[in-house]
Amino acid sequence: MKFIFTLLFISQLLYSNVIDLVKRENNDSNTTLLVIGGIHGNEPGGYFAPAILISHYKILSKNVWIIPNLNKASIMAYKRGVNGDMNRKFATIRKNDKDKEIVQEIKKTILNPKVSLILNLHDGHGFYRRNYDSTVFNPNAWGQTCVIDQCKLETTKEFGELDKIASRVAKHVNSKLLHKKHQFDVRNTKTKFDDEAMQLSLTYFAVTHNKPAFAIETSKNLSSVSQKVYYQLLAIEEFMNIMGIKYKRDFNLTEKEIKQILKEYGKVTINDNITFNLNGIKSYLSYIPLKSKGNEFKFSHPLGAVKKKKGVYTLYIGNKKIAWLKPQYFQLAKDCPESFKFEIDGKEILVPKTAQIDTKKSFKVIPVDGLRVNIIGYYAKGHKNESGLKVTYNKLNKKFSIDKKEKTFRIEFYKDNKFCSMSTVHFK
């Protein structure tokens, strides 16, 4: 038997335009790598890679700052930019542009004196080749490149040799290709003289302010998101090596293990009194006890987000729709317990108010004066309060389970007909 605590390190509110900046810092140096993902919402390699960098890497020396989801609205919509191309708004931006607050904030972050080098992560069309081979393999493609705006920054002492750094990164990626056709190269846009569109971009804004900046472009033509993330992480790791940033990851950098990590959606806590495990959750859950307004959603996954439309809350991990929640509105009770006693398979335990509890055979909620227990999917004739009753799996209506395997059920606590909290019980 066990119960699970959830550590929530990213908090996102409905329709928030605040940048989610995650800092992994040490006291040994001011050298800082800034990794920016998700400026384009339809480029998942560019935001799932920094999400894994947050959740599966430990930075052992120097500093790494990570923004996994710069353009949240576009990520949820899986569009390049719901308000136009955000990566073309760094030279000028209209006063009424809906992206203005985000662009201003990321500019401030880029110009922070601590930031030493910037990476902007993308998925680009095709496979870049210096000579034309086909509509997919040609000099106009962006995929599988480390993009620089110019060869070097003359006024920058550290990391100013952009071409040399990009070439080293490309060489490292090419030493670990999944397929020969995935070859990586350096693409110098020579922005100041040859590319007016790139003059409006994030990286060009950075280099014109003497900040070394690179774009990593994995190919949209790769067969899976896991392949894109694999190459993004290969490149990011080599940049960390170049900067002398020591790190440790908790997985082997293989496409197979990345594919498994991408299936991990973590948990969401709502109003600090409800927690759902998003792995294997049913796509639609109804009668979720929420407030009529001002609900706060906290995700353990860096790309967790929520959108409300026509009274239904849609939970996202990146561009993936994970579940729809239809609410039943309640007032929140005051002075509710922070923990509850359960009898699990005959043994009494104390668990937090939003715990997921594992059981093999049965559970019982130990009664608390003044509280009513409602076990969703369980019916005991003549009992309005279902505490103190021994519940086995065969007594539960499986259609009320919250997971696709029909093994997990909600236990709700009420005080004076106001909602306190919800735990879940999972039959192993």
Protein backbone atom coordinates (compact mmCIF):
# COMPACT_ATOMS: atom_id res chain seq x y z
CA MET A 1 0.00 0.00 0.00
CA LYS A 2 1.16 3.55 -0.64
CA PHE A 3 -0.04 7.08 -1.12
CA ILE A 4 1.45 9.60 -3.47
CA PHE A 5 2.47 13.18 -2.76
CA THR A 6 2.65 15.59 -5.70
CA LEU A 7 5.38 18.20 -6.06
CA LEU A 8 4.06 21.04 -8.21
CA PHE A 9 6.69 23.39 -9.58
CA ILE A 10 4.78 25.14 -12.36
CA SER A 11 1.60 27.09 -11.72
CA GLN A 12 -0.45 28.38 -14.62
CA LEU A 13 -3.63 30.39 -14.36
CA LEU A 14 -6.34 30.62 -17.00
CA TYR A 15 -5.30 32.90 -19.86
CA SER A 16 -2.16 34.07 -18.06
CA ASN A 17 0.39 35.90 -20.23
CA VAL A 18 3.12 35.63 -17.60
CA ILE A 19 6.29 33.95 -18.80
CA ASP A 20 7.08 30.70 -17.01
CA LEU A 21 10.79 31.12 -16.29
CA VAL A 22 12.31 28.14 -14.48
CA LYS A 23 15.76 28.77 -12.99
CA ARG A 24 18.23 26.01 -12.23
CA GLU A 25 21.08 27.82 -10.49
CA ASN A 26 24.31 27.22 -8.59
CA ASN A 27 26.56 29.56 -6.63
CA ASP A 28 29.76 28.85 -8.54
CA SER A 29 29.30 31.20 -11.50
CA ASN A 30 27.10 33.83 -13.16
CA THR A 31 27.39 32.03 -16.50
CA THR A 32 23.80 31.39 -17.61
CA LEU A 33 22.28 29.55 -20.55
CA LEU A 34 18.78 30.75 -21.47
CA VAL A 35 16.70 28.11 -23.31
CA ILE A 36 13.47 29.34 -24.93
CA GLY A 37 10.87 26.91 -26.24
CA GLY A 38 7.46 27.27 -27.79
CA ILE A 39 7.68 30.58 -29.65
CA HIS A 40 5.83 28.71 -32.43
CA GLY A 41 2.92 26.59 -31.24
CA ASN A 42 3.04 24.02 -34.05
CA GLU A 43 6.65 22.99 -33.39
CA PRO A 44 6.41 20.43 -30.56
CA GLY A 45 10.08 19.46 -30.57
CA GLY A 46 10.74 23.06 -29.60
CA TYR A 47 8.68 22.86 -26.40
CA PHE A 48 8.74 19.23 -25.27
CA ALA A 49 12.56 19.28 -25.22
CA PRO A 50 12.83 22.14 -22.67
CA ALA A 51 10.04 20.51 -20.65
CA ILE A 52 12.22 17.41 -20.31
CA LEU A 53 15.21 19.64 -19.51
CA ILE A 54 13.22 20.99 -16.56
CA SER A 55 11.84 17.74 -15.23
CA HIS A 56 14.58 15.18 -15.97
CA TYR A 57 17.89 17.08 -15.72
CA LYS A 58 19.81 18.29 -12.69
CA ILE A 59 22.15 21.23 -13.30
CA LEU A 60 25.29 20.67 -11.22
CA SER A 61 27.27 23.81 -12.03
CA LYS A 62 26.62 27.29 -13.40
CA ASN A 63 23.05 28.20 -14.41
CA VAL A 64 20.34 27.23 -16.86
CA TRP A 65 17.17 29.29 -17.24
CA ILE A 66 14.35 27.65 -19.14
CA ILE A 67 11.13 28.98 -20.67
CA PRO A 68 9.39 25.90 -22.10
CA ASN A 69 6.20 27.52 -23.41
CA LEU A 70 6.72 31.13 -24.46
CA ASN A 71 3.63 31.20 -26.71
CA LYS A 72 1.11 29.27 -24.57
CA ALA A 73 -2.03 30.18 -26.52
CA SER A 74 -0.48 29.06 -29.81
CA ILE A 75 0.80 25.82 -28.28
CA MET A 76 -2.71 24.89 -27.11
CA ALA A 77 -4.13 25.81 -30.52
CA TYR A 78 -1.24 24.00 -32.28
CA LYS A 79 -0.77 27.01 -34.57
CA ARG A 80 2.38 28.90 -35.49
CA GLY A 81 0.93 32.03 -33.88
CA VAL A 82 -2.67 32.76 -32.99
CA ASN A 83 -1.81 36.47 -32.98
CA GLY A 84 0.62 36.32 -35.89
CA ASP A 85 4.24 35.19 -35.91
CA MET A 86 5.68 36.09 -32.49
CA ASN A 87 9.20 35.61 -33.86
CA ARG A 88 8.68 38.58 -36.16
CA LYS A 89 7.86 41.10 -33.43
CA PHE A 90 11.26 41.83 -31.86
CA ALA A 91 12.17 44.91 -33.91
CA THR A 92 8.83 46.69 -33.57
CA ILE A 93 5.45 45.71 -32.18
CA ARG A 94 2.07 47.46 -32.27
CA LYS A 95 0.71 48.95 -29.05
CA ASN A 96 -2.42 46.81 -29.22
CA ASP A 97 -0.68 43.56 -30.20
CA LYS A 98 -1.85 40.73 -27.93
CA ASP A 99 1.71 39.37 -27.84
CA LYS A 100 3.23 42.66 -26.66
CA GLU A 101 3.46 41.80 -22.96
CA ILE A 102 5.17 38.47 -23.69
CA VAL A 103 7.62 40.02 -26.17
CA GLN A 104 8.53 42.79 -23.73
CA GLU A 105 9.09 40.30 -20.91
CA ILE A 106 11.30 37.98 -22.96
CA LYS A 107 13.34 40.96 -24.15
CA LYS A 108 13.98 41.93 -20.52
CA THR A 109 15.02 38.37 -19.75
CA ILE A 110 17.38 38.22 -22.73
CA LEU A 111 19.01 41.50 -21.69
CA ASN A 112 19.49 40.37 -18.09
CA PRO A 113 23.24 40.85 -17.39
CA LYS A 114 23.44 37.30 -16.08
CA VAL A 115 22.36 35.73 -19.41
CA SER A 116 25.43 34.56 -21.33
CA LEU A 117 23.96 32.65 -24.29
CA ILE A 118 20.45 32.18 -25.72
CA LEU A 119 18.91 29.20 -27.51
CA ASN A 120 15.60 29.54 -29.36
CA LEU A 121 14.12 26.13 -30.17
CA HIS A 122 12.18 25.34 -33.36
CA ASP A 123 11.07 22.62 -35.75
CA GLY A 124 11.73 23.70 -39.34
CA HIS A 125 10.66 22.52 -42.78
CA GLY A 126 12.64 19.87 -44.60
CA PHE A 127 16.34 19.02 -44.29
CA TYR A 128 18.85 21.78 -44.93
CA ARG A 129 21.42 20.98 -47.62
CA ARG A 130 23.94 23.37 -49.13
CA ASN A 131 23.13 22.03 -52.60
CA TYR A 132 19.65 21.42 -54.04
CA ASP A 133 18.58 17.77 -54.03
CA SER A 134 14.79 17.89 -53.77
CA THR A 135 11.93 19.95 -52.38
CA VAL A 136 12.70 18.44 -48.96
CA PHE A 137 16.53 18.46 -49.11
CA ASN A 138 17.67 21.91 -50.26
CA PRO A 139 19.32 25.22 -49.27
CA ASN A 140 15.96 26.82 -48.46
CA ALA A 141 15.04 24.23 -45.83
CA TRP A 142 15.48 24.99 -42.14
CA GLY A 143 15.28 21.57 -40.53
CA GLN A 144 18.32 19.96 -38.87
CA THR A 145 20.31 23.16 -38.52
CA CYS A 146 21.94 25.32 -35.94
CA VAL A 147 21.02 28.80 -37.17
CA ILE A 148 23.22 31.83 -36.64
CA ASP A 149 22.66 35.43 -37.76
CA GLN A 150 26.35 36.14 -38.35
CA CYS A 151 29.73 34.48 -37.91
CA LYS A 152 30.81 36.25 -34.74
CA LEU A 153 30.13 38.98 -32.21
CA GLU A 154 33.19 41.21 -32.21
CA THR A 155 32.28 42.99 -28.96
CA THR A 156 31.58 39.85 -26.96
CA LYS A 157 34.54 38.16 -25.28
CA GLU A 158 32.75 34.96 -24.23
CA PHE A 159 30.86 32.73 -26.67
CA GLY A 160 31.14 35.31 -29.45
CA GLU A 161 32.50 32.87 -32.06
CA LEU A 162 29.01 31.91 -33.26
CA ASP A 163 30.08 29.95 -36.33
CA LYS A 164 32.70 27.92 -34.44
CA ILE A 165 30.26 27.10 -31.64
CA ALA A 166 27.48 26.14 -34.06
CA SER A 167 29.89 23.96 -36.05
CA ARG A 168 30.94 22.12 -32.90
CA VAL A 169 27.29 21.51 -31.99
CA ALA A 170 26.53 20.22 -35.50
CA LYS A 171 29.53 17.90 -35.36
CA HIS A 172 28.36 16.51 -32.02
CA VAL A 173 24.81 15.90 -33.28
CA ASN A 174 26.12 14.25 -36.46
CA SER A 175 28.12 11.79 -34.36
CA LYS A 176 24.88 10.45 -32.89
CA LEU A 177 22.43 10.42 -35.81
CA LEU A 178 19.45 8.05 -35.79
CA HIS A 179 19.53 7.96 -39.61
CA LYS A 180 22.08 9.27 -42.09
CA LYS A 181 19.53 11.57 -43.77
CA HIS A 182 19.09 13.43 -40.43
CA GLN A 183 22.44 15.15 -40.97
CA PHE A 184 22.84 18.43 -39.04
CA ASP A 185 24.49 21.58 -40.42
CA VAL A 186 25.07 25.25 -39.69
CA ARG A 187 22.88 27.77 -41.48
CA ASN A 188 24.14 31.35 -41.44
CA THR A 189 21.31 33.65 -42.46
CA LYS A 190 23.66 36.68 -42.65
CA THR A 191 20.68 38.52 -41.26
CA LYS A 192 21.98 42.08 -41.34
CA PHE A 193 22.58 41.96 -45.11
CA ASP A 194 20.47 39.14 -46.57
CA ASP A 195 17.36 38.40 -44.52
CA GLU A 196 14.86 41.14 -43.72
CA ALA A 197 12.44 38.72 -42.07
CA MET A 198 15.10 37.46 -39.67
CA GLN A 199 15.89 41.07 -38.74
CA LEU A 200 12.61 40.96 -36.81
CA SER A 201 13.48 37.77 -34.90
CA LEU A 202 14.37 36.97 -31.30
CA THR A 203 17.92 35.82 -32.04
CA TYR A 204 18.73 38.92 -34.10
CA PHE A 205 17.41 41.13 -31.28
CA ALA A 206 19.79 39.29 -28.98
CA VAL A 207 22.90 39.53 -31.16
CA THR A 208 22.31 43.22 -31.88
CA HIS A 209 22.47 43.67 -28.11
CA ASN A 210 25.75 41.71 -27.92
CA LYS A 211 24.15 38.53 -26.65
CA PRO A 212 25.26 35.28 -28.35
CA ALA A 213 22.13 33.60 -29.69
CA PHE A 214 21.36 30.50 -31.75
CA ALA A 215 18.28 28.78 -33.08
CA ILE A 216 18.10 25.00 -33.02
CA GLU A 217 15.89 23.74 -35.85
CA THR A 218 14.96 20.08 -35.91
CA SER A 219 13.05 18.91 -38.94
CA LYS A 220 9.26 18.85 -39.18
CA ASN A 221 9.82 15.95 -41.58
CA LEU A 222 11.18 13.69 -38.86
CA SER A 223 8.86 10.78 -38.21
CA SER A 224 8.04 11.50 -34.55
CA VAL A 225 8.16 14.11 -31.80
CA SER A 226 10.52 11.82 -29.92
CA GLN A 227 13.08 12.13 -32.74
CA LYS A 228 12.77 15.92 -32.71
CA VAL A 229 13.23 16.03 -28.95
CA TYR A 230 16.21 13.66 -29.20
CA TYR A 231 18.07 16.04 -31.53
CA GLN A 232 17.06 19.12 -29.55
CA LEU A 233 18.47 17.61 -26.36
CA LEU A 234 21.66 16.48 -28.13
CA ALA A 235 22.23 20.06 -29.24
CA ILE A 236 21.34 21.59 -25.86
CA GLU A 237 23.72 19.22 -24.07
CA GLU A 238 26.60 20.21 -26.36
CA PHE A 239 25.89 23.89 -25.72
CA MET A 240 26.06 23.12 -21.98
CA ASN A 241 29.36 21.33 -22.54
CA ILE A 242 30.73 24.34 -24.42
CA MET A 243 29.68 26.63 -21.59
CA GLY A 244 31.16 24.36 -18.93
CA ILE A 245 27.76 23.61 -17.44
CA LYS A 246 27.77 20.25 -15.69
CA TYR A 247 24.53 18.32 -15.65
CA LYS A 248 23.01 14.95 -14.91
CA ARG A 249 19.90 13.38 -16.41
CA ASP A 250 17.81 10.56 -15.01
CA PHE A 251 17.37 8.69 -18.30
CA ASN A 252 19.42 7.41 -21.22
CA LEU A 253 19.35 9.79 -24.16
CA THR A 254 17.70 7.44 -26.64
CA GLU A 255 14.62 7.84 -28.79
CA LYS A 256 13.01 4.91 -26.99
CA GLU A 257 13.33 6.45 -23.54
CA ILE A 258 12.28 9.89 -24.78
CA LYS A 259 9.16 8.34 -26.30
CA GLN A 260 8.28 6.91 -22.88
CA ILE A 261 8.90 10.24 -21.12
CA LEU A 262 6.59 11.99 -23.58
CA LYS A 263 3.76 9.76 -22.35
CA GLU A 264 4.18 11.04 -18.78
CA TYR A 265 1.65 13.81 -18.14
CA GLY A 266 2.06 14.15 -14.38
CA LYS A 267 -0.64 15.56 -12.13
CA VAL A 268 -2.87 18.60 -11.81
CA THR A 269 -4.05 20.10 -8.54
CA ILE A 270 -7.10 22.36 -8.59
CA ASN A 271 -7.68 24.94 -5.83
CA ASP A 272 -5.29 22.96 -3.60
CA ASN A 273 -8.11 20.53 -2.78
CA ILE A 274 -8.34 18.24 -5.83
CA THR A 275 -5.56 16.27 -7.49
CA PHE A 276 -5.86 14.20 -10.66
CA ASN A 277 -3.21 11.88 -12.06
CA LEU A 278 -3.27 12.76 -15.77
CA ASN A 279 -1.62 9.51 -16.87
CA GLY A 280 -4.41 7.29 -18.14
CA ILE A 281 -7.17 9.70 -17.14
CA LYS A 282 -10.50 9.40 -18.97
CA SER A 283 -10.99 12.02 -21.66
CA TYR A 284 -14.18 13.37 -20.06
CA LEU A 285 -15.05 13.75 -16.37
CA SER A 286 -18.24 15.35 -15.09
CA TYR A 287 -19.52 16.85 -11.84
CA ILE A 288 -16.10 18.05 -10.74
CA PRO A 289 -16.58 20.23 -7.62
CA LEU A 290 -15.17 23.64 -8.55
CA LYS A 291 -15.73 27.27 -7.65
CA SER A 292 -17.96 29.33 -9.93
CA LYS A 293 -14.94 31.54 -10.72
CA GLY A 294 -11.31 31.98 -9.81
CA ASN A 295 -10.24 28.33 -10.04
CA GLU A 296 -6.49 27.78 -9.83
CA PHE A 297 -4.83 24.93 -11.70
CA LYS A 298 -1.29 23.75 -10.86
CA PHE A 299 0.46 21.21 -13.07
CA SER A 300 3.48 19.07 -12.30
CA HIS A 301 4.28 19.00 -16.03
CA PRO A 302 6.00 22.16 -17.31
CA LEU A 303 3.65 22.29 -20.32
CA GLY A 304 0.43 21.89 -18.35
CA ALA A 305 -2.25 24.43 -19.21
CA VAL A 306 -6.03 24.84 -19.03
CA LYS A 307 -8.61 26.58 -21.17
CA LYS A 308 -12.27 27.22 -20.34
CA LYS A 309 -14.86 27.26 -23.10
CA LYS A 310 -18.65 27.02 -22.81
CA GLY A 311 -18.39 26.00 -19.18
CA VAL A 312 -15.99 23.10 -19.76
CA TYR A 313 -12.33 23.11 -18.70
CA THR A 314 -9.88 21.50 -21.15
CA LEU A 315 -6.59 20.28 -19.72
CA TYR A 316 -3.54 20.36 -21.98
CA ILE A 317 0.00 19.06 -21.91
CA GLY A 318 1.62 21.12 -24.63
CA ASN A 319 -0.59 20.80 -27.69
CA LYS A 320 -2.17 17.56 -26.45
CA LYS A 321 -5.71 17.66 -25.09
CA ILE A 322 -5.67 15.34 -22.09
CA ALA A 323 -9.11 15.68 -20.50
CA TRP A 324 -12.30 17.72 -20.41
CA LEU A 325 -13.72 18.59 -16.99
CA LYS A 326 -17.38 19.54 -16.60
CA PRO A 327 -17.80 21.33 -13.27
CA GLN A 328 -20.43 21.23 -10.58
CA TYR A 329 -20.12 24.48 -8.69
CA PHE A 330 -19.78 24.53 -4.90
CA GLN A 331 -18.72 26.98 -2.28
CA LEU A 332 -15.53 25.97 -0.49
CA ALA A 333 -15.84 25.06 3.16
CA LYS A 334 -13.59 26.62 5.79
CA ASP A 335 -11.50 24.92 8.47
CA CYS A 336 -11.39 21.56 6.68
CA PRO A 337 -8.92 18.87 7.75
CA GLU A 338 -5.55 18.73 5.98
CA SER A 339 -5.44 14.94 6.31
CA PHE A 340 -7.77 11.99 6.78
CA LYS A 341 -7.58 8.52 8.25
CA PHE A 342 -8.30 5.55 6.01
CA GLU A 343 -8.39 1.86 6.65
CA ILE A 344 -6.61 0.25 3.71
CA ASP A 345 -6.73 -3.54 3.46
CA GLY A 346 -7.34 -3.67 7.19
CA LYS A 347 -4.55 -1.26 8.20
CA GLU A 348 -5.21 2.31 9.35
CA ILE A 349 -3.16 5.09 7.73
CA LEU A 350 -3.16 8.89 7.71
CA VAL A 351 -3.06 10.55 4.27
CA PRO A 352 -3.04 14.15 2.94
CA LYS A 353 -6.34 15.60 1.80
CA THR A 354 -5.60 15.15 -1.93
CA ALA A 355 -3.73 11.84 -1.81
CA GLN A 356 -3.98 9.00 -4.28
CA ILE A 357 -4.31 5.87 -2.17
CA ASP A 358 -3.45 2.39 -3.44
CA THR A 359 -5.33 -0.65 -2.21
CA LYS A 360 -5.51 -4.31 -3.15
CA LYS A 361 -8.85 -5.32 -1.67
CA SER A 362 -10.76 -2.66 0.23
CA PHE A 363 -10.81 0.77 1.83
CA LYS A 364 -12.78 2.58 4.50
CA VAL A 365 -12.85 6.28 5.38
CA ILE A 366 -12.64 6.74 9.15
CA PRO A 367 -15.54 9.04 10.17
CA VAL A 368 -14.86 12.67 11.15
CA ASP A 369 -17.46 14.65 13.08
CA GLY A 370 -19.19 17.25 10.93
CA LEU A 371 -17.92 15.86 7.61
CA ARG A 372 -19.83 13.94 4.96
CA VAL A 373 -18.10 11.52 2.61
CA ASN A 374 -19.31 10.89 -0.94
CA ILE A 375 -17.66 7.97 -2.77
CA ILE A 376 -18.37 8.50 -6.47
CA GLY A 377 -19.59 5.24 -8.02
CA TYR A 378 -20.61 3.67 -4.71
CA TYR A 379 -24.16 3.36 -3.41
CA ALA A 380 -25.16 2.24 0.06
CA LYS A 381 -28.92 2.31 0.62
CA GLY A 382 -29.92 4.50 3.52
CA HIS A 383 -26.48 6.13 3.88
CA LYS A 384 -26.10 9.80 2.95
CA ASN A 385 -22.65 9.76 4.55
CA GLU A 386 -20.45 6.97 3.20
CA SER A 387 -17.69 7.18 5.80
CA GLY A 388 -17.21 4.17 8.02
CA LEU A 389 -18.27 1.78 5.24
CA LYS A 390 -15.98 -0.90 3.88
CA VAL A 391 -15.78 -0.60 0.09
CA THR A 392 -14.49 -3.28 -2.26
CA TYR A 393 -13.88 -3.05 -5.99
CA ASN A 394 -16.91 -5.15 -6.93
CA LYS A 395 -19.21 -2.70 -5.10
CA LEU A 396 -18.22 0.22 -7.34
CA ASN A 397 -19.89 1.24 -10.59
CA LYS A 398 -17.01 1.24 -13.06
CA LYS A 399 -18.49 3.93 -15.30
CA PHE A 400 -17.74 6.42 -12.50
CA SER A 401 -14.02 5.62 -12.46
CA ILE A 402 -11.71 8.45 -13.49
CA ASP A 403 -9.16 6.35 -15.40
CA LYS A 404 -9.37 4.38 -18.63
CA LYS A 405 -8.52 1.12 -16.84
CA GLU A 406 -11.48 1.70 -14.49
CA LYS A 407 -9.42 1.21 -11.34
CA THR A 408 -9.43 4.69 -9.76
CA PHE A 409 -12.33 6.40 -7.97
CA ARG A 410 -13.08 9.75 -6.32
CA ILE A 411 -13.69 10.24 -2.60
CA GLU A 412 -15.15 13.66 -1.82
CA PHE A 413 -15.40 15.38 1.57
CA TYR A 414 -18.11 17.94 2.41
CA LYS A 415 -18.85 20.18 5.38
CA ASP A 416 -22.26 21.86 5.70
CA ASN A 417 -22.87 20.99 2.03
CA LYS A 418 -19.75 22.95 1.06
CA PHE A 419 -16.82 21.23 -0.63
CA CYS A 420 -13.68 20.46 1.38
CA SER A 421 -11.42 18.24 -0.72
CA MET A 422 -11.10 15.12 -2.85
CA SER A 423 -8.86 12.08 -2.58
CA THR A 424 -8.67 9.16 -5.00
CA VAL A 425 -8.35 5.46 -4.39
CA HIS A 426 -6.73 3.12 -6.89
CA PHE A 427 -7.31 -0.64 -6.91
CA LYS A 428 -4.11 -2.46 -7.88
